[in-house]
Amino acid sequence: MKEFSYYHDGKGANTKVPERKEKIPLGVISPPPAVKAILGLLFKDAGAIGEALRLIEGRFGPIDYRSPCFPFVETGYYSEEMGENLTRQYVSLERLIHPDELPLLKTVSNQCEERFSIDGRRAVNLDPGYIGAANLILASTKNFSQRIYLSQGIYAEVTMTFQHGDFHKLPWTYPDYYNHRDVFCEIRRIYRRQLQELEEAESS
């Protein structure tokens, strides 16, 4: 006699399906790999962003990669608050972090923004996130359909996925991040070398 299980078909009915005989192995809970912390920078005053980054380095360690500076032309979203002719740049931190550290990195970044604000308007914009093997994650204080809650009022978003040697955009990917994906590919290469060095050190 066949054994059956049931699933809901979404139309108000339960459908009978044969029970699977093979055993499905249970997932093993294990710690996630370390990830590569990044910051997307938006600024007009190079002096202010330099000071802000020194505060970040004082808390999380040195920067090991700085991208070229790009004119921020993809949107005028920040013009009213920060002015025209803004510059976009990306940096990564040398020390690999645990994914759980992202809320802290976002909180400290927000504190830096507030410190350099003038009359309630930001002079620097710091967008923290991280790069893992398969994606680029950004932190946000705002909830939305594609974001999941972490802790401390901070949400995480998969901004781009990595497949077949390149980053790929999603419907909500910021245009400048996608346009500068070569930068993130380079940061990912640094990250992969670091992981390999850690593995070799552990096995020696």
Foldseek 3Di string as FASTA:
>chain_A
DFDWDWDDPPPPDIDIDTDDDDDDDDDDDDADDFWKKKKKKKADDPVLVVVLVVQLCVPQNDWDDKDDKDFPDQDCVQCVQANHRMIIIMIIHPDTHRQLCQVVSVVSQVVSQVVQHDPPGGRMHIWMWTDDPWFTKTKDLDDDDQWDDRDPSIIIHGQWTDDPQWTDGDPPHRVVCRVVRVRVSVVVVVVVVVVVVVVVVVVD
